[in-house]
C-alpha atoms as a PDB file:
ATOM      1  CA  MET A   1     -26.529 112.519 242.636  1.00  0.00           C
ATOM      2  CA  ILE A   2     -25.882 115.386 240.224  1.00  0.00           C
ATOM      3  CA  GLN A   3     -28.505 114.089 237.800  1.00  0.00           C
ATOM      4  CA  ASP A   4     -31.153 114.058 240.551  1.00  0.00           C
ATOM      5  CA  TRP A   5     -30.240 117.624 241.492  1.00  0.00           C
ATOM      6  CA  PHE A   6     -30.678 118.751 237.859  1.00  0.00           C
ATOM      7  CA  ASP A   7     -34.049 116.989 237.605  1.00  0.00           C
ATOM      8  CA  GLN A   8     -35.318 118.555 240.848  1.00  0.00           C
ATOM      9  CA  THR A   9     -34.069 121.994 239.801  1.00  0.00           C
ATOM     10  CA  ARG A  10     -35.862 121.766 236.460  1.00  0.00           C
ATOM     11  CA  SER A  11     -39.110 120.758 238.226  1.00  0.00           C
ATOM     12  CA  ASP A  12     -38.833 123.681 240.612  1.00  0.00           C
ATOM     13  CA  ILE A  13     -38.294 126.098 237.712  1.00  0.00           C
ATOM     14  CA  VAL A  14     -41.359 124.865 235.868  1.00  0.00           C
ATOM     15  CA  ALA A  15     -43.488 125.135 239.016  1.00  0.00           C
ATOM     16  CA  LEU A  16     -42.321 128.688 239.687  1.00  0.00           C
ATOM     17  CA  ALA A  17     -43.009 129.743 236.126  1.00  0.00           C
ATOM     18  CA  LYS A  18     -46.538 128.350 236.234  1.00  0.00           C
ATOM     19  CA  ARG A  19     -47.384 130.232 239.410  1.00  0.00           C
ATOM     20  CA  ARG A  20     -45.961 133.404 237.834  1.00  0.00           C
ATOM     21  CA  ALA A  21     -44.686 134.283 241.304  1.00  0.00           C
ATOM     22  CA  ILE A  22     -41.167 135.200 240.362  1.00  0.00           C
ATOM     23  CA  THR A  23     -39.729 138.644 240.107  1.00  0.00           C
ATOM     24  CA  ARG A  24     -37.916 140.181 237.146  1.00  0.00           C
ATOM     25  CA  ALA A  25     -34.616 139.321 238.795  1.00  0.00           C
ATOM     26  CA  GLY A  26     -35.910 135.816 239.450  1.00  0.00           C
ATOM     27  CA  ARG A  27     -36.790 135.397 235.804  1.00  0.00           C
ATOM     28  CA  ARG A  28     -33.250 136.339 234.865  1.00  0.00           C
ATOM     29  CA  SER A  29     -31.985 133.714 237.286  1.00  0.00           C
ATOM     30  CA  VAL A  30     -34.335 131.138 235.812  1.00  0.00           C
ATOM     31  CA  CYS A  31     -33.092 131.917 232.305  1.00  0.00           C
ATOM     32  CA  ALA A  32     -29.494 131.654 233.454  1.00  0.00           C
ATOM     33  CA  ILE A  33     -30.108 128.256 235.073  1.00  0.00           C
ATOM     34  CA  ALA A  34     -32.025 127.027 232.040  1.00  0.00           C
ATOM     35  CA  LEU A  35     -29.153 128.090 229.782  1.00  0.00           C
ATOM     36  CA  ILE A  36     -26.674 126.203 231.957  1.00  0.00           C
ATOM     37  CA  LEU A  37     -28.863 123.099 231.842  1.00  0.00           C
ATOM     38  CA  ALA A  38     -29.205 123.325 228.062  1.00  0.00           C
ATOM     39  CA  LEU A  39     -25.469 123.740 227.563  1.00  0.00           C
ATOM     40  CA  SER A  40     -24.596 120.984 230.001  1.00  0.00           C
ATOM     41  CA  GLY A  41     -26.934 118.495 228.380  1.00  0.00           C
ATOM     42  CA  CYS A  42     -27.631 117.007 231.861  1.00  0.00           C
ATOM     43  CA  GLY A  43     -25.521 113.977 230.955  1.00  0.00           C
ATOM     44  CA  ASP A  44     -22.204 112.404 231.657  1.00  0.00           C
ATOM     45  CA  GLY A  45     -20.523 114.675 229.124  1.00  0.00           C
ATOM     46  CA  GLY A  46     -22.184 117.850 230.515  1.00  0.00           C
ATOM     47  CA  LEU A  47     -21.054 120.665 232.717  1.00  0.00           C
ATOM     48  CA  PHE A  48     -19.714 118.434 235.477  1.00  0.00           C
ATOM     49  CA  GLY A  49     -18.821 115.408 233.433  1.00  0.00           C
ATOM     50  CA  GLY A  50     -16.198 116.906 231.166  1.00  0.00           C
ATOM     51  CA  GLN A  51     -16.420 118.369 227.656  1.00  0.00           C
ATOM     52  CA  SER A  52     -18.900 116.782 225.277  1.00  0.00           C
ATOM     53  CA  GLU A  53     -17.723 115.799 221.798  1.00  0.00           C
ATOM     54  CA  PRO A  54     -18.996 117.902 218.885  1.00  0.00           C
ATOM     55  CA  PRO A  55     -21.334 116.153 216.415  1.00  0.00           C
ATOM     56  CA  VAL A  56     -19.643 114.512 213.496  1.00  0.00           C
ATOM     57  CA  VAL A  57     -20.630 116.145 210.210  1.00  0.00           C
ATOM     58  CA  GLU A  58     -20.099 113.846 207.289  1.00  0.00           C
ATOM     59  CA  LYS A  59     -18.803 115.514 204.184  1.00  0.00           C
ATOM     60  CA  SER A  60     -20.402 114.428 200.966  1.00  0.00           C
ATOM     61  CA  ALA A  61     -17.955 112.509 198.862  1.00  0.00           C
ATOM     62  CA  VAL A  62     -18.200 114.247 195.489  1.00  0.00           C
ATOM     63  CA  LYS A  63     -16.003 112.536 193.015  1.00  0.00           C
ATOM     64  CA  ALA A  64     -14.325 114.872 190.562  1.00  0.00           C
ATOM     65  CA  PRO A  65     -14.644 113.733 186.977  1.00  0.00           C
ATOM     66  CA  ASP A  66     -11.620 111.941 185.634  1.00  0.00           C
ATOM     67  CA  GLU A  67      -9.501 113.740 183.037  1.00  0.00           C
ATOM     68  CA  TYR A  68      -9.149 112.001 179.707  1.00  0.00           C
ATOM     69  CA  VAL A  69      -5.922 110.049 179.360  1.00  0.00           C
ATOM     70  CA  ILE A  70      -4.400 109.677 175.900  1.00  0.00           C
ATOM     71  CA  GLY A  71      -3.931 106.147 174.574  1.00  0.00           C
ATOM     72  CA  SER A  72      -2.326 104.420 171.606  1.00  0.00           C
ATOM     73  CA  GLY A  73      -4.434 104.892 168.482  1.00  0.00           C
ATOM     74  CA  ASP A  74      -5.811 108.281 169.514  1.00  0.00           C
ATOM     75  CA  SER A  75      -5.744 111.115 166.995  1.00  0.00           C
ATOM     76  CA  LEU A  76      -4.474 114.476 168.233  1.00  0.00           C
ATOM     77  CA  SER A  77      -4.313 118.037 167.013  1.00  0.00           C
ATOM     78  CA  ILE A  78      -1.249 120.011 168.146  1.00  0.00           C
ATOM     79  CA  PHE A  79      -1.725 123.770 167.940  1.00  0.00           C
ATOM     80  CA  VAL A  80       1.221 126.083 168.587  1.00  0.00           C
ATOM     81  CA  TYR A  81       0.055 129.671 168.961  1.00  0.00           C
ATOM     82  CA  ARG A  82       1.425 132.011 166.254  1.00  0.00           C
ATOM     83  CA  ASN A  83       3.504 129.179 164.812  1.00  0.00           C
ATOM     84  CA  PRO A  84       1.433 127.443 162.117  1.00  0.00           C
ATOM     85  CA  ASP A  85       4.527 125.662 160.784  1.00  0.00           C
ATOM     86  CA  LEU A  86       4.842 123.824 164.101  1.00  0.00           C
ATOM     87  CA  SER A  87       1.147 122.957 164.360  1.00  0.00           C
ATOM     88  CA  GLU A  88      -0.255 119.621 163.211  1.00  0.00           C
ATOM     89  CA  GLY A  89      -3.914 118.884 162.597  1.00  0.00           C
ATOM     90  CA  GLY A  90      -3.814 115.095 162.695  1.00  0.00           C
ATOM     91  CA  VAL A  91      -1.152 113.378 164.790  1.00  0.00           C
ATOM     92  CA  ALA A  92      -1.686 109.662 165.438  1.00  0.00           C
ATOM     93  CA  VAL A  93      -0.456 108.125 168.666  1.00  0.00           C
ATOM     94  CA  ARG A  94       1.656 105.165 167.576  1.00  0.00           C
ATOM     95  CA  PRO A  95       1.375 101.668 169.107  1.00  0.00           C
ATOM     96  CA  ASP A  96       4.449 102.503 171.203  1.00  0.00           C
ATOM     97  CA  GLY A  97       2.503 105.432 172.721  1.00  0.00           C
ATOM     98  CA  ARG A  98       4.655 108.126 171.118  1.00  0.00           C
ATOM     99  CA  ILE A  99       4.010 110.926 168.637  1.00  0.00           C
ATOM    100  CA  SER A 100       6.203 112.998 166.338  1.00  0.00           C
ATOM    101  CA  THR A 101       5.675 116.693 165.615  1.00  0.00           C
ATOM    102  CA  PRO A 102       7.795 119.344 163.859  1.00  0.00           C
ATOM    103  CA  LEU A 103      11.087 119.863 165.749  1.00  0.00           C
ATOM    104  CA  ILE A 104      10.150 117.056 168.144  1.00  0.00           C
ATOM    105  CA  GLU A 105      10.871 113.597 166.794  1.00  0.00           C
ATOM    106  CA  ASP A 106       9.546 111.414 169.605  1.00  0.00           C
ATOM    107  CA  ILE A 107       7.572 112.272 172.692  1.00  0.00           C
ATOM    108  CA  VAL A 108       5.494 109.916 174.842  1.00  0.00           C
ATOM    109  CA  ALA A 109       1.808 110.828 174.658  1.00  0.00           C
ATOM    110  CA  ALA A 110       0.061 107.713 175.968  1.00  0.00           C
ATOM    111  CA  GLY A 111      -0.769 107.818 179.646  1.00  0.00           C
ATOM    112  CA  LYS A 112      -0.834 111.624 179.796  1.00  0.00           C
ATOM    113  CA  THR A 113      -3.702 114.078 179.785  1.00  0.00           C
ATOM    114  CA  PRO A 114      -3.854 116.559 176.874  1.00  0.00           C
ATOM    115  CA  THR A 115      -2.798 119.340 179.260  1.00  0.00           C
ATOM    116  CA  GLN A 116       0.223 117.382 180.511  1.00  0.00           C
ATOM    117  CA  LEU A 117       1.312 116.627 176.957  1.00  0.00           C
ATOM    118  CA  ALA A 118       0.903 120.285 175.935  1.00  0.00           C
ATOM    119  CA  ARG A 119       3.132 121.453 178.794  1.00  0.00           C
ATOM    120  CA  GLU A 120       5.819 118.928 177.862  1.00  0.00           C
ATOM    121  CA  ILE A 121       5.748 119.988 174.211  1.00  0.00           C
ATOM    122  CA  GLU A 122       6.105 123.607 175.315  1.00  0.00           C
ATOM    123  CA  GLN A 123       9.171 122.657 177.331  1.00  0.00           C
ATOM    124  CA  ARG A 124      10.730 120.946 174.331  1.00  0.00           C
ATOM    125  CA  LEU A 125       9.991 123.892 172.034  1.00  0.00           C
ATOM    126  CA  THR A 126      11.680 126.458 174.274  1.00  0.00           C
ATOM    127  CA  LYS A 127      14.932 125.453 172.567  1.00  0.00           C
ATOM    128  CA  TYR A 128      13.636 126.896 169.306  1.00  0.00           C
ATOM    129  CA  ILE A 129      11.006 129.584 170.032  1.00  0.00           C
ATOM    130  CA  GLN A 130      10.347 132.023 172.842  1.00  0.00           C
ATOM    131  CA  ASP A 131       7.453 131.395 175.236  1.00  0.00           C
ATOM    132  CA  PRO A 132       5.637 128.712 173.218  1.00  0.00           C
ATOM    133  CA  ASN A 133       1.921 128.289 173.863  1.00  0.00           C
ATOM    134  CA  VAL A 134       0.673 124.804 172.944  1.00  0.00           C
ATOM    135  CA  THR A 135      -2.818 123.314 172.957  1.00  0.00           C
ATOM    136  CA  VAL A 136      -3.464 119.588 172.492  1.00  0.00           C
ATOM    137  CA  ILE A 137      -6.916 118.537 171.278  1.00  0.00           C
ATOM    138  CA  VAL A 138      -7.997 114.889 171.128  1.00  0.00           C
ATOM    139  CA  ARG A 139      -9.875 114.287 167.870  1.00  0.00           C
ATOM    140  CA  GLY A 140     -10.203 110.487 167.834  1.00  0.00           C
ATOM    141  CA  PHE A 141     -10.792 108.684 171.112  1.00  0.00           C
ATOM    142  CA  ILE A 142      -9.593 105.193 171.969  1.00  0.00           C
ATOM    143  CA  GLY A 143      -7.909 105.736 175.307  1.00  0.00           C
ATOM    144  CA  PRO A 144      -5.523 103.522 177.271  1.00  0.00           C
ATOM    145  CA  SER A 145      -6.292  99.814 177.524  1.00  0.00           C
ATOM    146  CA  ASP A 146      -7.418 100.009 181.140  1.00  0.00           C
ATOM    147  CA  ARG A 147     -10.027 102.626 180.153  1.00  0.00           C
ATOM    148  CA  GLN A 148     -11.577 100.550 177.374  1.00  0.00           C
ATOM    149  CA  VAL A 149     -14.480  98.106 177.234  1.00  0.00           C
ATOM    150  CA  ARG A 150     -13.744  95.131 174.968  1.00  0.00           C
ATOM    151  CA  VAL A 151     -16.318  92.971 173.234  1.00  0.00           C
ATOM    152  CA  ILE A 152     -15.293  89.587 171.820  1.00  0.00           C
ATOM    153  CA  GLY A 153     -17.143  86.575 170.422  1.00  0.00           C
ATOM    154  CA  GLU A 154     -20.477  86.618 168.617  1.00  0.00           C
ATOM    155  CA  ALA A 155     -21.057  90.353 168.483  1.00  0.00           C
ATOM    156  CA  THR A 156     -21.763  91.810 165.061  1.00  0.00           C
ATOM    157  CA  ASP A 157     -18.745  94.108 165.318  1.00  0.00           C
ATOM    158  CA  PRO A 158     -16.346  92.976 168.072  1.00  0.00           C
ATOM    159  CA  ILE A 159     -14.563  96.106 169.168  1.00  0.00           C
ATOM    160  CA  ALA A 160     -12.709  97.951 171.917  1.00  0.00           C
ATOM    161  CA  ILE A 161     -14.771 100.958 173.036  1.00  0.00           C
ATOM    162  CA  PRO A 162     -13.464 103.930 175.009  1.00  0.00           C
ATOM    163  CA  TYR A 163     -15.140 103.877 178.421  1.00  0.00           C
ATOM    164  CA  ARG A 164     -17.301 106.851 179.364  1.00  0.00           C
ATOM    165  CA  ASP A 165     -19.036 107.663 182.618  1.00  0.00           C
ATOM    166  CA  HIS A 166     -22.172 105.617 183.330  1.00  0.00           C
ATOM    167  CA  MET A 167     -21.760 103.452 180.224  1.00  0.00           C
ATOM    168  CA  THR A 168     -24.229 100.568 180.298  1.00  0.00           C
ATOM    169  CA  LEU A 169     -24.396  97.149 178.681  1.00  0.00           C
ATOM    170  CA  LEU A 170     -26.992  98.453 176.229  1.00  0.00           C
ATOM    171  CA  ASP A 171     -24.604 101.229 175.155  1.00  0.00           C
ATOM    172  CA  VAL A 172     -22.028  98.549 174.397  1.00  0.00           C
ATOM    173  CA  MET A 173     -24.524  96.547 172.343  1.00  0.00           C
ATOM    174  CA  ILE A 174     -25.458  99.622 170.319  1.00  0.00           C
ATOM    175  CA  ALA A 175     -21.777 100.291 169.579  1.00  0.00           C
ATOM    176  CA  THR A 176     -21.232  96.700 168.412  1.00  0.00           C
ATOM    177  CA  HIS A 177     -24.499  96.633 166.377  1.00  0.00           C
ATOM    178  CA  GLY A 178     -25.998  93.762 168.343  1.00  0.00           C
ATOM    179  CA  LEU A 179     -25.420  90.001 168.162  1.00  0.00           C
ATOM    180  CA  THR A 180     -24.853  87.587 165.309  1.00  0.00           C
ATOM    181  CA  LYS A 181     -27.439  84.898 164.536  1.00  0.00           C
ATOM    182  CA  TYR A 182     -25.086  82.330 166.061  1.00  0.00           C
ATOM    183  CA  ALA A 183     -24.767  84.118 169.398  1.00  0.00           C
ATOM    184  CA  ALA A 184     -25.864  82.523 172.658  1.00  0.00           C
ATOM    185  CA  GLY A 185     -26.698  85.904 174.135  1.00  0.00           C
ATOM    186  CA  ASN A 186     -28.134  84.621 177.398  1.00  0.00           C
ATOM    187  CA  ARG A 187     -24.875  82.860 178.208  1.00  0.00           C
ATOM    188  CA  ALA A 188     -22.734  85.981 177.855  1.00  0.00           C
ATOM    189  CA  VAL A 189     -20.414  87.030 180.660  1.00  0.00           C
ATOM    190  CA  ILE A 190     -18.575  90.172 181.688  1.00  0.00           C
ATOM    191  CA  VAL A 191     -15.054  89.656 183.003  1.00  0.00           C
ATOM    192  CA  ARG A 192     -14.103  92.402 185.430  1.00  0.00           C
ATOM    193  CA  VAL A 193     -10.860  92.942 187.356  1.00  0.00           C
ATOM    194  CA  ASP A 194     -11.106  94.995 190.539  1.00  0.00           C
ATOM    195  CA  PRO A 195      -8.374  97.418 191.719  1.00  0.00           C
ATOM    196  CA  ASN A 196      -6.840  94.618 193.816  1.00  0.00           C
ATOM    197  CA  GLY A 197      -6.377  92.424 190.751  1.00  0.00           C
ATOM    198  CA  HIS A 198      -9.176  89.979 191.606  1.00  0.00           C
ATOM    199  CA  GLN A 199     -11.139  88.719 188.614  1.00  0.00           C
ATOM    200  CA  GLN A 200     -14.925  88.630 188.720  1.00  0.00           C
ATOM    201  CA  THR A 201     -17.277  86.968 186.238  1.00  0.00           C
ATOM    202  CA  ILE A 202     -20.750  88.460 185.837  1.00  0.00           C
ATOM    203  CA  LYS A 203     -23.411  86.531 183.922  1.00  0.00           C
ATOM    204  CA  VAL A 204     -25.669  88.631 181.700  1.00  0.00           C
ATOM    205  CA  ARG A 205     -28.652  87.735 179.518  1.00  0.00           C
ATOM    206  CA  LEU A 206     -28.044  89.758 176.384  1.00  0.00           C
ATOM    207  CA  SER A 207     -30.862  88.191 174.364  1.00  0.00           C
ATOM    208  CA  SER A 208     -33.349  89.036 177.108  1.00  0.00           C
ATOM    209  CA  LEU A 209     -32.056  92.599 177.160  1.00  0.00           C
ATOM    210  CA  ILE A 210     -32.090  93.154 173.400  1.00  0.00           C
ATOM    211  CA  LYS A 211     -35.082  91.092 172.267  1.00  0.00           C
ATOM    212  CA  ASP A 212     -37.350  91.153 175.326  1.00  0.00           C
ATOM    213  CA  GLY A 213     -36.419  94.543 176.772  1.00  0.00           C
ATOM    214  CA  ASP A 214     -35.380  93.129 180.148  1.00  0.00           C
ATOM    215  CA  ILE A 215     -33.852  96.325 181.558  1.00  0.00           C
ATOM    216  CA  SER A 216     -32.718  94.485 184.699  1.00  0.00           C
ATOM    217  CA  GLN A 217     -29.891  93.106 182.550  1.00  0.00           C
ATOM    218  CA  ASN A 218     -28.723  96.598 181.551  1.00  0.00           C
ATOM    219  CA  ILE A 219     -25.954  96.789 184.139  1.00  0.00           C
ATOM    220  CA  GLU A 220     -23.411  99.601 184.348  1.00  0.00           C
ATOM    221  CA  MET A 221     -20.017  98.829 182.865  1.00  0.00           C
ATOM    222  CA  SER A 222     -16.633  99.553 184.417  1.00  0.00           C
ATOM    223  CA  PRO A 223     -13.418 100.610 182.668  1.00  0.00           C
ATOM    224  CA  GLY A 224     -11.406  97.562 181.644  1.00  0.00           C
ATOM    225  CA  ASP A 225     -14.434  95.238 181.351  1.00  0.00           C
ATOM    226  CA  THR A 226     -14.438  92.479 178.742  1.00  0.00           C
ATOM    227  CA  LEU A 227     -17.786  91.241 177.402  1.00  0.00           C
ATOM    228  CA  ILE A 228     -17.626  87.684 176.056  1.00  0.00           C
ATOM    229  CA  VAL A 229     -20.474  86.483 173.840  1.00  0.00           C
ATOM    230  CA  PRO A 230     -20.261  82.709 173.254  1.00  0.00           C
ATOM    231  CA  GLN A 231     -21.512  80.819 170.196  1.00  0.00           C
ATOM    232  CA  SER A 232     -24.706  78.828 170.349  1.00  0.00           C
ATOM    233  CA  TRP A 233     -24.315  75.059 170.602  1.00  0.00           C
ATOM    234  CA  PHE A 234     -26.824  74.458 167.813  1.00  0.00           C
END
């Protein structure tokens, strides 16, 4: 057996080295054999068993931050370099997702990043000025509906909040100024829809979180979540 031969050869090498009875040339031979054994791995995938597979190195999955997407209700600033007459400091995105700027009556803004919108405005302005340079700045954030967190029911200020990375339930409660005196906070639920369209209901104990400091209830929100705070029965 090849494996037995390798084992016997290794034993012989060790014995020879211990007795220090090998010549300089012998030592070179020993090193050569040891190198072959190390490279072969003495296994089925070694020197005589075919090529061994390289180790699999897992790449760390680093998620790039999402770019902000403009939504209806956002407030934008449109700056056209060296053309102050074409610049606008406060442009509201209408409910239909469009905006109007000088020389451009209607252009869809919702669903685009500020950079995408700026490039499209530049393309439209080439009819009137040479080499336009446009910058779009979002001043008021609401975002598209699927990037919002909605709060309904017995919150002090029911509201739709733009989602931000690592937003928690406590962040939502701070934005809505807490619960009303009629709220059944410990019967609240979060309705979440996954990317496959499946709806999930998550029970949360808001009163325990707010009044008792139960941080275990401070779960992380997801874009598109709806927090429902029911009314107390008595």
